[in-house]
Protein backbone atom coordinates (compact mmCIF):
# COMPACT_ATOMS: atom_id res chain seq x y z
CA MET A 1 -21.22 18.89 -11.56
CA SER A 2 -17.73 17.86 -10.46
CA ALA A 3 -15.98 15.67 -7.92
CA PHE A 4 -14.76 16.82 -4.55
CA TYR A 5 -11.01 16.42 -4.16
CA ARG A 6 -8.22 16.82 -1.62
CA GLU A 7 -4.99 18.46 -2.72
CA ALA A 8 -1.39 18.62 -1.52
CA GLY A 9 2.12 19.32 -2.74
CA SER A 10 3.61 20.64 -5.95
CA GLY A 11 5.31 19.09 -8.95
CA PRO A 12 4.09 16.54 -11.52
CA GLY A 13 0.37 15.82 -11.15
CA VAL A 14 -0.96 12.62 -9.57
CA VAL A 15 -4.69 11.84 -9.28
CA CYS A 16 -5.72 9.16 -6.77
CA LEU A 17 -9.00 7.23 -7.07
CA HIS A 18 -10.41 5.22 -4.17
CA SER A 19 -12.12 1.85 -3.78
CA ASN A 20 -15.79 1.05 -3.19
CA ALA A 21 -17.17 1.80 0.28
CA SER A 22 -14.33 4.27 0.76
CA SER A 23 -13.45 7.86 -0.13
CA SER A 24 -10.51 10.10 -0.91
CA THR A 25 -9.50 9.88 2.75
CA GLN A 26 -8.00 6.45 2.09
CA TRP A 27 -5.11 8.17 0.29
CA ARG A 28 -4.04 10.52 3.11
CA GLY A 29 -0.90 8.54 3.87
CA LEU A 30 0.08 8.32 0.21
CA MET A 31 -0.56 12.04 -0.24
CA ASP A 32 1.79 12.79 2.65
CA MET A 33 4.50 10.64 1.05
CA LEU A 34 4.11 12.15 -2.42
CA ALA A 35 3.51 15.81 -1.54
CA PRO A 36 7.20 16.79 -1.27
CA LYS A 37 7.73 15.90 -4.95
CA PHE A 38 4.26 15.76 -6.57
CA HIS A 39 1.05 17.74 -6.89
CA VAL A 40 -1.40 15.15 -5.53
CA LEU A 41 -5.17 15.22 -5.85
CA ALA A 42 -7.41 12.54 -4.31
CA ALA A 43 -11.00 12.62 -5.55
CA ASP A 44 -14.32 11.25 -4.30
CA SER A 45 -16.36 9.24 -6.80
CA TYR A 46 -20.14 9.43 -7.20
CA GLY A 47 -21.92 8.79 -3.90
CA ALA A 48 -18.72 8.88 -1.85
CA GLY A 49 -17.31 11.46 0.54
CA LYS A 50 -18.30 14.96 -0.49
CA SER A 51 -18.95 14.29 -4.18
CA PRO A 52 -22.46 14.39 -5.69
CA ALA A 53 -24.86 11.53 -5.07
CA TYR A 54 -25.59 9.09 -7.87
CA PRO A 55 -28.17 10.41 -10.35
CA ALA A 56 -31.53 8.84 -9.53
CA ASP A 57 -32.78 8.71 -13.11
CA ARG A 58 -30.07 6.70 -14.89
CA LYS A 59 -27.26 4.20 -14.56
CA VAL A 60 -23.77 5.55 -14.06
CA GLY A 61 -20.96 3.89 -15.98
CA LEU A 62 -17.22 4.24 -15.63
CA SER A 63 -17.12 6.89 -18.36
CA ASP A 64 -19.58 8.93 -16.27
CA GLU A 65 -17.21 8.64 -13.33
CA VAL A 66 -14.44 9.93 -15.59
CA ALA A 67 -16.60 12.86 -16.66
CA LEU A 68 -17.14 13.77 -13.00
CA LEU A 69 -13.34 14.06 -12.68
CA GLU A 70 -12.72 16.48 -15.56
CA ALA A 71 -12.04 19.45 -13.28
CA VAL A 72 -9.68 17.32 -11.18
CA PHE A 73 -7.68 16.29 -14.24
CA ALA A 74 -7.50 19.90 -15.39
CA ARG A 75 -6.24 20.95 -11.96
CA ALA A 76 -3.57 18.21 -12.04
CA GLY A 77 -1.99 19.65 -15.20
CA GLU A 78 -0.40 17.69 -18.03
CA PRO A 79 0.84 15.07 -18.06
CA PHE A 80 -0.57 13.53 -14.89
CA SER A 81 -0.35 10.04 -13.42
CA LEU A 82 -3.26 8.00 -12.11
CA VAL A 83 -3.33 5.90 -8.96
CA GLY A 84 -6.34 3.65 -8.45
CA HIS A 85 -7.51 0.93 -6.10
CA SER A 86 -10.30 -1.54 -6.91
CA TYR A 87 -13.23 0.47 -8.34
CA GLY A 88 -10.92 3.48 -8.57
CA GLY A 89 -8.50 1.39 -10.61
CA ALA A 90 -11.27 0.54 -13.07
CA VAL A 91 -12.17 4.23 -13.35
CA GLY A 92 -8.49 4.99 -13.87
CA LEU A 93 -8.22 2.54 -16.76
CA ILE A 94 -11.12 4.13 -18.62
CA ALA A 95 -9.81 7.61 -17.81
CA ALA A 96 -6.44 6.69 -19.28
CA LEU A 97 -8.05 5.57 -22.54
CA LEU A 98 -10.20 8.69 -22.78
CA HIS A 99 -7.34 11.05 -21.85
CA ARG A 100 -4.44 9.09 -23.33
CA PRO A 101 -2.25 12.06 -24.45
CA LYS A 102 -2.52 13.62 -20.98
CA VAL A 103 -1.61 10.52 -18.94
CA ARG A 104 2.00 9.87 -17.92
CA ALA A 105 1.55 6.56 -16.07
CA LEU A 106 -0.81 4.43 -14.00
CA ALA A 107 -0.32 2.63 -10.68
CA LEU A 108 -3.27 0.30 -10.09
CA TYR A 109 -3.92 -1.98 -7.14
CA GLU A 110 -6.25 -4.73 -8.40
CA PRO A 111 -8.57 -2.74 -10.67
CA THR A 112 -11.92 -4.54 -10.52
CA LEU A 113 -12.96 -4.16 -14.15
CA PHE A 114 -14.90 -7.41 -14.08
CA ALA A 115 -16.29 -6.93 -17.58
CA LEU A 116 -12.87 -8.17 -18.77
CA VAL A 117 -13.43 -11.55 -17.11
CA GLU A 118 -17.23 -11.54 -16.86
CA ARG A 119 -17.67 -14.99 -18.42
CA ALA A 120 -14.82 -16.63 -16.52
CA GLN A 121 -15.30 -18.86 -13.50
CA GLU A 122 -12.79 -16.72 -11.61
CA VAL A 123 -15.47 -14.11 -10.93
CA ASP A 124 -18.07 -16.50 -9.54
CA GLY A 125 -17.13 -15.45 -6.02
CA ILE A 126 -17.74 -11.73 -6.47
CA ARG A 127 -20.79 -12.35 -8.66
CA ASN A 128 -22.39 -14.48 -5.94
CA THR A 129 -21.37 -12.00 -3.24
CA VAL A 130 -23.01 -9.11 -5.07
CA SER A 131 -26.16 -11.15 -5.61
CA SER A 132 -26.36 -11.98 -1.90
CA ALA A 133 -25.74 -8.34 -0.96
CA VAL A 134 -28.39 -7.03 -3.35
CA GLU A 135 -30.87 -9.59 -1.98
CA ALA A 136 -30.11 -8.40 1.56
CA LEU A 137 -30.69 -4.78 0.52
CA GLY A 138 -34.02 -5.85 -0.95
CA ARG A 139 -34.97 -7.12 2.52
CA GLY A 140 -33.94 -3.78 3.99
CA ASP A 141 -30.89 -5.27 5.73
CA ALA A 142 -28.04 -2.92 4.82
CA LEU A 143 -25.77 -4.37 7.52
CA ALA A 144 -26.07 -7.86 6.07
CA ALA A 145 -25.34 -6.50 2.60
CA ALA A 146 -22.21 -4.78 3.86
CA ARG A 147 -21.16 -7.93 5.71
CA PHE A 148 -21.28 -10.01 2.52
CA PHE A 149 -19.22 -7.39 0.71
CA ILE A 150 -16.54 -6.75 3.34
CA ASP A 151 -16.11 -10.39 4.34
CA PHE A 152 -15.51 -11.33 0.71
CA TRP A 153 -12.87 -8.65 0.15
CA ILE A 154 -11.08 -8.88 3.50
CA ALA A 155 -11.83 -12.15 5.34
CA PRO A 156 -14.78 -13.97 6.91
CA GLY A 157 -15.80 -12.18 10.08
CA ALA A 158 -13.99 -8.95 9.15
CA PHE A 159 -17.17 -6.87 9.16
CA ASP A 160 -18.25 -8.03 12.62
CA ARG A 161 -14.80 -7.20 14.02
CA MET A 162 -15.13 -3.56 12.94
CA PRO A 163 -16.27 -0.80 15.31
CA GLU A 164 -20.00 -0.10 15.01
CA ARG A 165 -19.27 3.38 13.64
CA ASN A 166 -17.32 1.88 10.73
CA GLN A 167 -20.00 -0.74 10.14
CA ALA A 168 -22.67 1.95 9.86
CA ALA A 169 -20.62 4.03 7.41
CA ILE A 170 -19.84 1.03 5.20
CA ALA A 171 -23.46 -0.14 5.30
CA GLU A 172 -24.59 3.28 4.11
CA ALA A 173 -22.06 3.26 1.25
CA GLY A 174 -23.01 -0.34 0.48
CA ARG A 175 -26.46 0.73 -0.63
CA ASN A 176 -24.69 1.45 -3.94
CA ILE A 177 -23.57 -2.16 -4.49
CA GLN A 178 -25.92 -2.67 -7.44
CA ARG A 179 -24.60 0.54 -9.02
CA TRP A 180 -21.02 -0.64 -8.57
CA LYS A 181 -21.88 -3.97 -10.17
CA ASP A 182 -23.55 -2.28 -13.14
CA ALA A 183 -20.51 -0.10 -13.78
CA LEU A 184 -17.91 -2.85 -13.40
CA PHE A 185 -19.66 -5.76 -15.12
CA ASP A 186 -21.38 -3.80 -17.90
CA GLU A 187 -18.44 -1.65 -19.05
CA PRO A 188 -18.40 -2.01 -22.86
CA THR A 189 -14.66 -1.41 -23.41
CA PRO A 190 -13.09 -4.66 -24.68
CA LEU A 191 -9.84 -6.04 -23.34
CA ALA A 192 -8.12 -5.44 -26.70
CA ALA A 193 -8.63 -1.68 -26.33
CA PHE A 194 -6.02 -1.57 -23.58
CA ALA A 195 -3.34 -2.66 -26.03
CA GLU A 196 -3.37 0.97 -27.19
CA LEU A 197 -2.47 2.22 -23.72
CA ASP A 198 1.28 2.49 -24.20
CA VAL A 199 2.18 4.40 -21.03
CA PRO A 200 3.98 2.77 -18.08
CA VAL A 201 1.53 0.80 -15.93
CA LEU A 202 2.26 -0.73 -12.55
CA LEU A 203 -0.20 -3.51 -11.73
CA ILE A 204 -0.15 -4.38 -8.03
CA THR A 205 -1.78 -7.43 -6.50
CA GLY A 206 -1.72 -9.21 -3.17
CA THR A 207 -1.09 -12.93 -3.04
CA GLY A 208 -3.89 -13.23 -0.48
CA SER A 209 -6.51 -11.51 -2.66
CA PRO A 210 -9.56 -13.26 -4.12
CA LEU A 211 -9.12 -14.93 -7.47
CA SER A 212 -11.61 -12.54 -9.09
CA SER A 213 -9.49 -9.41 -8.67
CA ARG A 214 -6.23 -11.21 -9.44
CA ALA A 215 -7.79 -12.54 -12.66
CA VAL A 216 -8.42 -9.00 -13.92
CA VAL A 217 -4.78 -8.12 -13.29
CA GLN A 218 -3.59 -11.16 -15.22
CA ARG A 219 -5.81 -10.31 -18.23
CA LEU A 220 -4.55 -6.74 -18.29
CA ARG A 221 -0.93 -7.81 -17.96
CA ARG A 222 -1.23 -9.80 -21.18
CA VAL A 223 -2.40 -6.89 -23.31
CA LEU A 224 -0.90 -3.73 -21.81
CA PRO A 225 2.26 -3.03 -23.83
CA ASN A 226 4.25 -1.38 -21.02
CA ALA A 227 3.06 -3.08 -17.84
CA GLU A 228 4.96 -4.42 -14.87
CA LEU A 229 3.58 -6.55 -12.05
CA ALA A 230 4.23 -6.21 -8.33
CA GLU A 231 2.93 -9.10 -6.22
CA LEU A 232 2.90 -8.30 -2.52
CA PRO A 233 3.19 -11.42 -0.32
CA GLY A 234 0.32 -12.08 2.06
CA LEU A 235 -1.63 -8.93 1.29
CA GLY A 236 -5.30 -8.90 0.34
CA HIS A 237 -7.50 -6.81 -1.89
CA MET A 238 -8.08 -4.07 0.69
CA ALA A 239 -4.39 -3.66 1.54
CA PRO A 240 -4.23 0.00 0.38
CA VAL A 241 -6.75 0.69 3.17
CA THR A 242 -5.80 -1.88 5.83
CA THR A 243 -1.99 -1.97 5.39
CA PRO A 244 -1.06 1.19 3.44
CA ASP A 245 2.50 1.13 4.80
CA ALA A 246 3.13 -1.97 2.67
CA VAL A 247 1.53 -0.56 -0.49
CA ASN A 248 2.27 3.16 -0.58
CA PRO A 249 6.08 2.86 -0.90
CA VAL A 250 5.65 0.62 -3.95
CA ILE A 251 3.44 3.24 -5.60
CA CYS A 252 5.81 6.08 -4.65
CA GLN A 253 8.89 4.33 -6.04
CA PHE A 254 7.13 3.70 -9.34
CA LEU A 255 5.88 7.28 -9.70
CA GLU A 256 9.28 8.73 -8.86
CA ARG A 257 10.92 6.49 -11.44
CA VAL A 258 8.53 7.29 -14.30
CA ALA A 259 8.60 10.99 -13.48
CA HIS A 260 12.30 11.02 -14.35
CA ASP A 261 12.23 8.73 -17.39
């Protein structure tokens, strides 16, 4: 079993990992920008796009997501860089630890590895949002569940402003909210483990993002030995999807720089 992936360009390998309720299609613009200089692969995670559905008989953790990507990493060649957004950023962090000698660098937009801040008040917002969404799913109301999720990450009313087609697709993906929570809150890797990740890491955050995702970035910044922070004024957590023109150049500049170091 392996992940579906999109592929473009030639040169140093770059693997892109998407956010929740999204798929590899979110990286089309970035792939176009990188393809003249890089071999870019954008993969679908479990239950997204054209990748396999979640196993019905067990929980899936972030290390399982990494295992699904083994063929993608092999195709990327060595060393490869990782780009991740939200859930994809959390997967990228665990992938970098498990494949440390093969990883050149990471560019992560607000990786939502909430296990690193699970006991902090900063994550009360996402914890309560997930609880409300799971309760809505229990009532059979997938649209309400998706509304809780999207309105938290973008802005109140954002879900209702979307076209009905988009609402339906997000609601279908949102049936996995409990699975996403399990993977992100129950990840056993301690914060201290990331002190061993000595490759260049670009941590990107938007000043308009919820405290919960910005708190993860701040924890990681303290322990990663070779991290730099890019704060993008006015952008929110979903900026790689909603305003990619503001995010993608930052990622490209970083990858071009580390490729020549």
